[in-house]
Each structure stands twice: as structure tokens, then as C-alpha cells.
């Protein structure tokens, strides 16, 4: 028996390969273990490893106020029920999206309650948003929200797009507002000079931007454009769309494997799935799937790609808010995916299992104290990393 020093970087690397559940258990081993696992270094290392290897992938099912999730890596396909942080809200809970393992929940207007929630760690921060500005006497209005991450400023943000049209379909109010979790404040960032094609928007955050289907004239969904709002520099731009036929079809945006994707449904004929391989490059749009399989197109109202399989040879689809299907890219076959405990009706969102948590601003009057505590914790972690960990063999 001898004490063998383990290089601290090696220990951190080993910990980063583990799922969140055992990491949470290992926090009880010792104070030094807890300090290391709670350090930004290990948290980021574990998240980056999961994203690069397409592991620790989960699907959360939302429907009314009930929430549950499924770990796609687990051999035992079991739906885990979890407490909804907004369960006691009066209005329906909506999943805005996920970033870095954090799922953003909100309640519908006029309640405007938001929860930044890590379902695996089971911790959350809850806030109530300020009501949308300018809501009376402006005609028909729509308010849609999105969730994303500003990697430059390490800031999780909620974006709210408020748009009102007159009875003659003229834009009378169309603004983008941004809530920063880091500053705990709203700010209006500018005008939105396009008409939204759809009133309901699903999570379309990728490459640092939120995306919407828009048009330059009301009701012109055939000549749609893709608008992108960059969360780092508040820049609004257009993203090129693929060349499509002039046939009548329904279209919606999605995210697949971190890439912007588009679903084109030609009623009673086929469904095409496009993927933008190189962001912002028009020629990189690739038709990944074109299928006439009746399992997908029969009685189709809504179809959205959810995720690749871990091997990358299958794509999981959500259909009509009540069923999931695996599509094999090579064999072009479709099979139903059922798991005991799935809700009857649902909206899905994928999230990566991580230790990331969102902090909302600084508590009033305790900023200096918090900074001092964080600095003390960082010194402990640095001391641990410098001395190494002695493993008894």
C-alpha cells in the first residue's frame, strides 16, 4: 500500500467524463472533492465533453403543468417525473428552450414568470418579468419569447419580441426586448422590421442567435425569410434559406445536431428536412431527408426533428405533439418510439446533462460579500489543483 499522487488535471478530466448523477454523489466524499466538482473548470470541462461526444442527452416532455424527462443514453428507457418549478402558477407552463443543460420555463401572459432550471441538479432560479410594453389601443398583438446564451459575456438571456399590427395589417409596434440574467434587467434593443409568419415559435437558438420565420409583407408566407437575432451584439440579420420549389407547403424551423434545420411538409405527398451544414452559407443547405413514409406524413399536422441518435445514423422526430419516431438515414425506415410513462400530449426539448446553474444578478447589498466568498472558494480550488490529490492504492 502506498500513497500515489494523482495529477489534478487527470482527476478533473476523469470527473468530466461522468454523468451528473454520480458527480453529485461524489460531492459528499470530501470538502476538496466538493470544491473541485463545483469549480467552473470542471463544470465547463464536463459540459464540453458531453457536447463534443453527444452524450448525456435528455429529452424533456412538457404538457400543461406536468414535466418529465428521458435520458437517451440510459439502457433502461424510463421516463423520470420531476417537480415543475412553476407548478403553482395560474397559467400554463411553456418550455422556452435549453442551453448548457439549463432549461428555461415560462408561464403564459399575463403572468410572465420565468424559471432558469437545471432538471438533473434539480435547482432553479425564478423571477417575474416586467409586462410587455405598449399593449393597449394598438390593434392585434403577438408576444413570443426565446431563450439563449451569450458566450462572450457568459450570460443566459430571454428575448421577447412584441409586435402589434393595425386593422389594415400595418406594423404599428414591433420591438425586441432582452432580459439579462447577469444584470437582472430588461432593455429594449431596437425595432423588428418584419412580419412574423407564425404566432407560436419553438426553440431555434443556435450559433449564438435566435431565429424566426418572417416576411416583409403581411400574410406572405410563401416568400418567407429567416431572421436571426445575435444575443452577443444585439444584431438583427437575415440568414439565407435553401432553394425551394414553388409548390404549396408548410414550413417550420428547428435545431438538429446544433445546426439550423427546416421542415418542409408538402401535404399528402412528402416531407423534406433541410440542414444548414455551415452556418450562414446558402450553398451549405443540404436535404438530409425526403420521405413519403405514411407513418410520418399520414394525418400530419406538425413534425419536428428532435435529435440525432448517439451513433448519428438515426433522427428522432416529434409528430403532432403526441408521438415520437426514429428515422434511419441509411435504410430510410421509420419506427415508433414509445416509452412507458410518456404523457399523452407533449412538446419536447432536448437538454444536455450538466452542472451549470444560472445566477440572477447580485443580491441587493451583498455584491462585495458574494465576490469575497467566490474569491475564497476559487483560492481553495486553485490550492487543490496545485497540490494534487493523493489516491491510496
Protein backbone atom coordinates (compact mmCIF):
# COMPACT_ATOMS: atom_id res chain seq x y z
CA UNK A 1 0.00 0.00 0.00
CA UNK A 2 1.38 3.41 -0.92
CA UNK A 3 0.18 6.92 -1.49
CA UNK A 4 0.30 7.68 -5.18
CA UNK A 5 -0.28 11.32 -6.12
CA UNK A 6 -2.82 11.72 -8.89
CA UNK A 7 -2.22 14.71 -11.17
CA UNK A 8 -5.08 17.16 -10.53
CA UNK A 9 -5.68 17.74 -14.24
CA UNK A 10 -6.10 14.00 -14.71
CA UNK A 11 -8.62 13.83 -11.87
CA UNK A 12 -10.58 16.74 -13.34
CA UNK A 13 -10.51 15.03 -16.74
CA UNK A 14 -11.85 11.77 -15.27
CA UNK A 15 -14.64 13.62 -13.47
CA UNK A 16 -15.62 15.38 -16.69
CA UNK A 17 -16.35 12.03 -18.33
CA UNK A 18 -19.03 11.18 -15.77
CA UNK A 19 -22.77 11.90 -15.92
CA UNK A 20 -24.22 14.42 -13.49
CA UNK A 21 -25.77 11.91 -11.04
CA UNK A 22 -22.50 10.30 -9.85
CA UNK A 23 -20.82 13.72 -9.74
CA UNK A 24 -23.49 14.91 -7.34
CA UNK A 25 -22.85 11.86 -5.14
CA UNK A 26 -19.08 12.41 -5.23
CA UNK A 27 -19.55 15.91 -3.77
CA UNK A 28 -20.13 14.15 -0.42
CA UNK A 29 -16.71 12.44 -0.44
CA UNK A 30 -14.84 15.45 0.99
CA UNK A 31 -14.70 19.23 1.02
CA UNK A 32 -11.91 19.23 -1.55
CA UNK A 33 -13.89 16.95 -3.87
CA UNK A 34 -16.89 19.21 -3.50
CA UNK A 35 -14.82 22.32 -4.24
CA UNK A 36 -13.37 20.71 -7.36
CA UNK A 37 -16.70 19.44 -8.72
CA UNK A 38 -18.32 22.83 -8.05
CA UNK A 39 -15.49 24.70 -9.78
CA UNK A 40 -16.14 26.44 -13.08
CA UNK A 41 -13.23 24.46 -14.53
CA UNK A 42 -14.84 21.02 -14.01
CA UNK A 43 -18.34 22.28 -14.81
CA UNK A 44 -17.19 23.61 -18.19
CA UNK A 45 -14.99 20.57 -18.83
CA UNK A 46 -17.89 18.17 -18.22
CA UNK A 47 -20.29 20.21 -20.36
CA UNK A 48 -17.83 20.48 -23.28
CA UNK A 49 -17.10 16.75 -23.16
CA UNK A 50 -20.81 15.93 -23.29
CA UNK A 51 -21.41 18.30 -26.22
CA UNK A 52 -18.43 17.04 -28.20
CA UNK A 53 -19.27 13.36 -27.70
CA UNK A 54 -23.06 13.75 -28.00
CA UNK A 55 -23.54 12.10 -24.59
CA UNK A 56 -25.66 12.85 -21.51
CA UNK A 57 -28.51 13.79 -23.84
CA UNK A 58 -32.01 14.07 -22.37
CA UNK A 59 -35.48 14.84 -23.67
CA UNK A 60 -37.86 16.82 -21.51
CA UNK A 61 -41.60 16.46 -22.09
CA UNK A 62 -43.77 19.48 -21.40
CA UNK A 63 -47.52 19.50 -21.30
CA UNK A 64 -49.73 21.80 -19.27
CA UNK A 65 -48.04 21.76 -15.82
CA UNK A 66 -46.62 18.23 -15.83
CA UNK A 67 -42.94 17.73 -16.67
CA UNK A 68 -40.82 14.61 -17.07
CA UNK A 69 -37.61 13.69 -18.86
CA UNK A 70 -35.94 10.73 -20.55
CA UNK A 71 -32.20 10.01 -20.69
CA UNK A 72 -31.40 8.79 -24.20
CA UNK A 73 -28.06 7.30 -23.07
CA UNK A 74 -29.62 5.03 -20.48
CA UNK A 75 -30.20 1.39 -21.44
CA UNK A 76 -33.28 1.38 -19.21
CA UNK A 77 -35.66 3.66 -21.05
CA UNK A 78 -37.56 5.15 -18.13
CA UNK A 79 -39.39 8.47 -18.00
CA UNK A 80 -38.45 10.35 -14.84
CA UNK A 81 -41.11 12.61 -13.37
CA UNK A 82 -39.81 15.86 -11.94
CA UNK A 83 -41.34 18.72 -9.99
CA UNK A 84 -42.29 21.72 -12.09
CA UNK A 85 -40.76 24.90 -10.58
CA UNK A 86 -43.76 26.84 -11.90
CA UNK A 87 -46.38 24.26 -10.93
CA UNK A 88 -48.30 26.63 -8.66
CA UNK A 89 -48.54 29.36 -11.29
CA UNK A 90 -52.03 30.14 -12.51
CA UNK A 91 -51.20 29.89 -16.20
CA UNK A 92 -49.77 27.16 -18.44
CA UNK A 93 -46.05 26.31 -18.29
CA UNK A 94 -44.15 26.65 -21.58
CA UNK A 95 -40.64 25.35 -22.32
CA UNK A 96 -38.78 28.23 -23.99
CA UNK A 97 -35.63 26.24 -24.72
CA UNK A 98 -32.40 24.94 -23.24
CA UNK A 99 -28.72 25.94 -23.23
CA UNK A 100 -25.79 24.28 -21.46
CA UNK A 101 -28.09 21.96 -19.52
CA UNK A 102 -30.28 24.81 -18.27
CA UNK A 103 -33.95 24.63 -19.27
CA UNK A 104 -35.90 27.88 -19.37
CA UNK A 105 -39.56 27.67 -18.39
CA UNK A 106 -42.13 30.43 -18.51
CA UNK A 107 -45.80 30.95 -17.88
CA UNK A 108 -48.04 32.47 -20.49
CA UNK A 109 -49.12 36.12 -20.50
CA UNK A 110 -50.06 37.96 -18.37
CA UNK A 111 -48.33 36.01 -15.59
CA UNK A 112 -44.81 36.28 -17.07
CA UNK A 113 -43.00 34.09 -14.56
CA UNK A 114 -39.64 32.63 -15.64
CA UNK A 115 -37.56 29.78 -14.19
CA UNK A 116 -33.94 29.05 -15.15
CA UNK A 117 -33.84 25.39 -14.19
CA UNK A 118 -31.36 22.51 -14.20
CA UNK A 119 -33.60 19.40 -14.17
CA UNK A 120 -30.78 17.00 -13.26
CA UNK A 121 -29.37 19.05 -10.39
CA UNK A 122 -32.98 20.00 -9.57
CA UNK A 123 -32.20 23.59 -8.72
CA UNK A 124 -33.67 26.72 -10.25
CA UNK A 125 -33.82 30.49 -10.05
CA UNK A 126 -37.23 32.08 -10.53
CA UNK A 127 -38.13 35.64 -11.49
CA UNK A 128 -41.19 37.57 -12.64
CA UNK A 129 -40.72 39.51 -15.86
CA UNK A 130 -41.93 43.04 -16.39
CA UNK A 131 -45.08 43.14 -18.55
CA UNK A 132 -44.65 43.76 -22.26
CA UNK A 133 -44.75 47.45 -23.15
CA UNK A 134 -47.36 49.14 -25.27
CA UNK A 135 -50.35 46.82 -25.23
CA UNK A 136 -53.50 48.97 -25.44
CA UNK A 137 -55.12 50.59 -28.43
CA UNK A 138 -52.69 49.19 -30.98
CA UNK A 139 -54.81 46.51 -32.65
CA UNK A 140 -53.85 42.83 -32.86
CA UNK A 141 -50.74 41.90 -30.95
CA UNK A 142 -48.39 38.95 -30.52
CA UNK A 143 -45.63 38.34 -27.99
CA UNK A 144 -43.17 35.50 -28.44
CA UNK A 145 -40.16 34.65 -26.28
CA UNK A 146 -36.88 32.85 -26.85
CA UNK A 147 -34.02 31.64 -24.68
CA UNK A 148 -30.31 31.59 -25.46
CA UNK A 149 -26.78 32.05 -24.20
CA UNK A 150 -24.31 34.87 -24.80
CA UNK A 151 -20.98 33.02 -24.62
CA UNK A 152 -18.90 36.21 -24.79
CA UNK A 153 -20.41 37.69 -21.62
CA UNK A 154 -21.35 34.33 -20.01
CA UNK A 155 -24.96 35.48 -19.82
CA UNK A 156 -28.18 33.48 -20.23
CA UNK A 157 -30.81 35.69 -21.85
CA UNK A 158 -34.52 35.77 -22.56
CA UNK A 159 -35.60 37.60 -25.71
CA UNK A 160 -39.10 38.96 -26.10
CA UNK A 161 -40.48 40.05 -29.46
CA UNK A 162 -43.58 42.24 -29.14
CA UNK A 163 -45.47 43.06 -32.30
CA UNK A 164 -48.75 44.89 -32.98
CA UNK A 165 -50.50 45.36 -36.31
CA UNK A 166 -53.30 47.75 -37.19
CA UNK A 167 -56.59 46.59 -38.64
CA UNK A 168 -55.01 47.25 -42.06
CA UNK A 169 -52.09 44.92 -41.26
CA UNK A 170 -49.58 47.71 -40.84
CA UNK A 171 -46.87 47.39 -38.22
CA UNK A 172 -47.52 49.95 -35.51
CA UNK A 173 -45.26 48.48 -32.83
CA UNK A 174 -42.54 45.86 -33.36
CA UNK A 175 -39.75 45.78 -30.79
CA UNK A 176 -37.13 43.38 -29.44
CA UNK A 177 -36.55 43.33 -25.68
CA UNK A 178 -33.80 41.39 -23.90
CA UNK A 179 -33.61 40.19 -20.31
CA UNK A 180 -30.10 39.55 -18.99
CA UNK A 181 -29.72 37.08 -16.12
CA UNK A 182 -26.37 38.65 -15.32
CA UNK A 183 -27.74 42.16 -14.77
CA UNK A 184 -31.28 41.11 -13.79
CA UNK A 185 -32.71 43.79 -16.08
CA UNK A 186 -34.75 44.30 -19.24
CA UNK A 187 -33.72 46.57 -22.04
CA UNK A 188 -35.23 47.45 -25.40
CA UNK A 189 -32.66 46.89 -28.13
CA UNK A 190 -34.42 48.08 -31.29
CA UNK A 191 -37.08 47.70 -33.93
CA UNK A 192 -38.04 44.45 -35.64
CA UNK A 193 -39.00 45.47 -39.22
CA UNK A 194 -40.53 42.14 -40.31
CA UNK A 195 -43.88 40.38 -40.00
CA UNK A 196 -43.85 37.16 -38.03
CA UNK A 197 -45.12 34.23 -40.09
CA UNK A 198 -46.29 32.24 -37.09
CA UNK A 199 -47.52 33.24 -33.65
CA UNK A 200 -46.00 30.19 -31.93
CA UNK A 201 -42.27 29.76 -32.03
CA UNK A 202 -40.23 26.74 -30.96
CA UNK A 203 -36.67 26.84 -29.71
CA UNK A 204 -34.44 27.88 -32.61
CA UNK A 205 -31.30 29.00 -30.80
CA UNK A 206 -28.01 28.05 -32.41
CA UNK A 207 -24.68 29.69 -33.29
CA UNK A 208 -25.36 32.42 -30.73
CA UNK A 209 -28.63 33.59 -32.31
CA UNK A 210 -32.40 33.07 -32.16
CA UNK A 211 -34.22 32.53 -35.45
CA UNK A 212 -37.72 33.27 -36.74
CA UNK A 213 -39.61 32.80 -39.98
CA UNK A 214 -40.66 36.26 -41.19
CA UNK A 215 -41.93 38.10 -44.25
CA UNK A 216 -41.64 41.66 -45.49
CA UNK A 217 -45.38 41.84 -46.17
CA UNK A 218 -48.27 40.52 -44.07
CA UNK A 219 -49.55 37.08 -44.99
CA UNK A 220 -46.74 36.37 -47.49
CA UNK A 221 -45.62 33.05 -46.04
CA UNK A 222 -44.52 31.70 -49.43
CA UNK A 223 -41.85 34.40 -49.71
CA UNK A 224 -40.63 33.84 -46.18
CA UNK A 225 -37.25 34.91 -44.86
CA UNK A 226 -35.18 33.70 -41.91
CA UNK A 227 -34.38 36.45 -39.39
CA UNK A 228 -31.63 35.92 -36.81
CA UNK A 229 -31.02 37.93 -33.65
CA UNK A 230 -27.50 37.70 -32.24
CA UNK A 231 -27.51 37.63 -28.42
CA UNK A 232 -23.95 38.93 -28.11
CA UNK A 233 -24.09 42.13 -30.17
CA UNK A 234 -27.90 42.61 -30.43
CA UNK A 235 -27.56 42.47 -34.22
CA UNK A 236 -30.52 41.55 -36.41
CA UNK A 237 -29.68 39.91 -39.73
CA UNK A 238 -31.13 37.64 -42.42
CA UNK A 239 -29.93 34.07 -42.91
CA UNK A 240 -30.16 32.65 -46.44
CA UNK A 241 -32.75 29.95 -46.98
CA UNK A 242 -32.45 26.95 -49.34
CA UNK A 243 -33.80 26.98 -52.87
CA UNK A 244 -37.29 25.51 -52.67
CA UNK A 245 -39.97 24.58 -55.19
CA UNK A 246 -43.00 26.78 -55.84
CA UNK A 247 -45.38 24.09 -54.63
CA UNK A 248 -47.64 24.71 -51.65
CA UNK A 249 -46.00 23.51 -48.44
CA UNK A 250 -45.90 24.15 -44.69
CA UNK A 251 -42.57 25.14 -43.18
CA UNK A 252 -41.07 25.46 -39.72
CA UNK A 253 -37.59 25.90 -38.29
CA UNK A 254 -35.82 23.56 -35.87
CA UNK A 255 -32.38 22.76 -34.49
CA UNK A 256 -30.80 19.40 -35.28
CA UNK A 257 -27.35 18.47 -34.03
CA UNK A 258 -26.58 22.12 -33.31
CA UNK A 259 -27.39 23.12 -36.90
CA UNK A 260 -30.25 25.25 -38.18
CA UNK A 261 -32.76 23.00 -39.93
CA UNK A 262 -36.01 23.40 -41.83
CA UNK A 263 -39.02 21.14 -42.20
CA UNK A 264 -40.98 21.44 -45.46
CA UNK A 265 -44.23 19.50 -45.49
CA UNK A 266 -45.97 19.02 -48.84
CA UNK A 267 -49.46 17.87 -47.75
CA UNK A 268 -50.31 14.26 -48.70
CA UNK A 269 -47.04 13.98 -50.67
CA UNK A 270 -43.79 14.09 -48.73
CA UNK A 271 -41.69 15.78 -46.05
CA UNK A 272 -38.24 17.27 -46.65
CA UNK A 273 -35.74 18.02 -43.89
CA UNK A 274 -33.04 20.54 -44.73
CA UNK A 275 -29.91 21.16 -42.62
CA UNK A 276 -27.54 24.14 -42.86
CA UNK A 277 -24.13 22.45 -42.51
CA UNK A 278 -22.11 25.68 -42.47
CA UNK A 279 -23.96 28.47 -40.71
CA UNK A 280 -24.76 31.50 -42.87
CA UNK A 281 -23.65 29.83 -46.12
CA UNK A 282 -26.55 29.32 -48.53
CA UNK A 283 -24.86 26.55 -50.52
CA UNK A 284 -24.39 24.53 -47.34
CA UNK A 285 -28.13 23.79 -47.08
CA UNK A 286 -28.43 20.02 -47.55
CA UNK A 287 -31.58 17.96 -47.94
CA UNK A 288 -30.96 15.39 -45.21
CA UNK A 289 -34.27 13.56 -45.53
CA UNK A 290 -37.02 13.33 -48.13
CA UNK A 291 -39.63 10.77 -47.20
CA UNK A 292 -43.06 9.62 -48.28
CA UNK A 293 -43.39 7.11 -45.44
CA UNK A 294 -47.01 7.09 -44.36
CA UNK A 295 -46.05 6.74 -40.68
CA UNK A 296 -44.75 10.31 -40.83
CA UNK A 297 -46.93 12.06 -43.42
CA UNK A 298 -50.33 10.47 -42.68
CA UNK A 299 -52.61 12.83 -40.75
CA UNK A 300 -49.66 15.14 -40.31
CA UNK A 301 -50.25 18.48 -38.61
CA UNK A 302 -46.82 19.08 -37.14
CA UNK A 303 -43.40 17.45 -37.49
CA UNK A 304 -40.11 18.48 -35.92
CA UNK A 305 -36.67 16.82 -35.73
CA UNK A 306 -35.59 16.45 -32.12
CA UNK A 307 -32.16 14.83 -32.09
CA UNK A 308 -29.71 12.50 -33.75
CA UNK A 309 -29.12 9.12 -32.16
CA UNK A 310 -25.78 8.71 -30.39
CA UNK A 311 -24.42 6.78 -33.39
CA UNK A 312 -25.67 9.51 -35.74
CA UNK A 313 -27.45 7.12 -38.11
CA UNK A 314 -30.98 7.93 -36.92
CA UNK A 315 -33.05 11.07 -36.37
CA UNK A 316 -35.77 11.31 -33.71
CA UNK A 317 -38.95 13.14 -34.77
CA UNK A 318 -41.83 14.58 -32.78
CA UNK A 319 -45.15 14.27 -34.62
CA UNK A 320 -48.43 16.03 -33.83
CA UNK A 321 -47.45 16.62 -30.17
CA UNK A 322 -48.35 13.01 -29.29
CA UNK A 323 -45.78 10.60 -30.73
CA UNK A 324 -42.07 10.06 -31.41
CA UNK A 325 -40.46 8.26 -34.37
CA UNK A 326 -36.93 7.18 -35.25
CA UNK A 327 -35.95 7.64 -38.91
CA UNK A 328 -32.95 5.61 -40.13
CA UNK A 329 -30.90 7.75 -42.53
CA UNK A 330 -29.39 4.87 -44.50
CA UNK A 331 -32.25 2.38 -44.58
CA UNK A 332 -34.90 5.13 -44.80
CA UNK A 333 -37.12 3.21 -42.41
CA UNK A 334 -39.41 4.63 -39.72
CA UNK A 335 -40.26 3.09 -36.37
CA UNK A 336 -42.38 4.31 -33.49
CA UNK A 337 -40.54 5.16 -30.27
CA UNK A 338 -42.58 4.50 -27.14
CA UNK A 339 -41.54 4.68 -23.50
CA UNK A 340 -43.71 3.83 -20.52
CA UNK A 341 -44.71 6.93 -18.62
CA UNK A 342 -44.68 9.35 -21.56
CA UNK A 343 -47.52 11.89 -21.36
CA UNK A 344 -50.37 11.59 -23.84
CA UNK A 345 -49.76 15.05 -25.28
CA UNK A 346 -46.43 16.84 -25.09
CA UNK A 347 -43.90 19.25 -26.53
CA UNK A 348 -40.28 18.07 -26.42
CA UNK A 349 -37.00 19.85 -25.84
CA UNK A 350 -33.53 18.32 -25.64
CA UNK A 351 -31.01 19.28 -22.98
CA UNK A 352 -27.53 18.12 -22.03
CA UNK A 353 -26.98 16.84 -18.51
CA UNK A 354 -24.64 19.30 -16.81
CA UNK A 355 -23.85 21.02 -13.51
CA UNK A 356 -24.47 24.51 -14.93
CA UNK A 357 -26.75 26.81 -12.94
CA UNK A 358 -27.91 30.35 -13.65
CA UNK A 359 -27.30 33.13 -11.13
CA UNK A 360 -29.61 36.14 -11.36
CA UNK A 361 -27.64 39.37 -10.93
CA UNK A 362 -26.25 40.14 -7.46
CA UNK A 363 -28.39 40.16 -4.29
CA UNK A 364 -29.02 43.72 -3.21
CA UNK A 365 -26.31 45.00 -0.92
CA UNK A 366 -24.33 41.75 -0.93
CA UNK A 367 -22.30 42.06 -4.11
CA UNK A 368 -18.98 42.65 -2.34
CA UNK A 369 -19.66 39.86 0.15
CA UNK A 370 -20.56 37.42 -2.62
CA UNK A 371 -17.45 38.36 -4.57
CA UNK A 372 -15.31 37.78 -1.48
CA UNK A 373 -16.84 34.33 -0.89
CA UNK A 374 -16.39 33.34 -4.54
CA UNK A 375 -12.75 34.50 -4.44
CA UNK A 376 -12.16 32.42 -1.29
CA UNK A 377 -13.69 29.34 -2.97
CA UNK A 378 -11.56 29.89 -6.07
CA UNK A 379 -8.43 30.07 -3.89
CA UNK A 380 -9.35 26.73 -2.32
CA UNK A 381 -9.81 25.13 -5.73
CA UNK A 382 -6.55 26.58 -7.04
CA UNK A 383 -4.78 25.25 -3.94
CA UNK A 384 -6.29 21.83 -4.52
CA UNK A 385 -5.21 21.80 -8.16
CA UNK A 386 -1.70 22.90 -7.29
CA UNK A 387 -1.19 20.26 -4.59
CA UNK A 388 -2.83 17.38 -6.39
CA UNK A 389 -4.90 14.54 -4.95
CA UNK A 390 -3.39 11.57 -3.16
CA UNK A 391 -5.03 8.30 -4.12
CA UNK A 392 -4.37 5.25 -1.94
CA UNK A 393 -3.67 2.10 -3.95
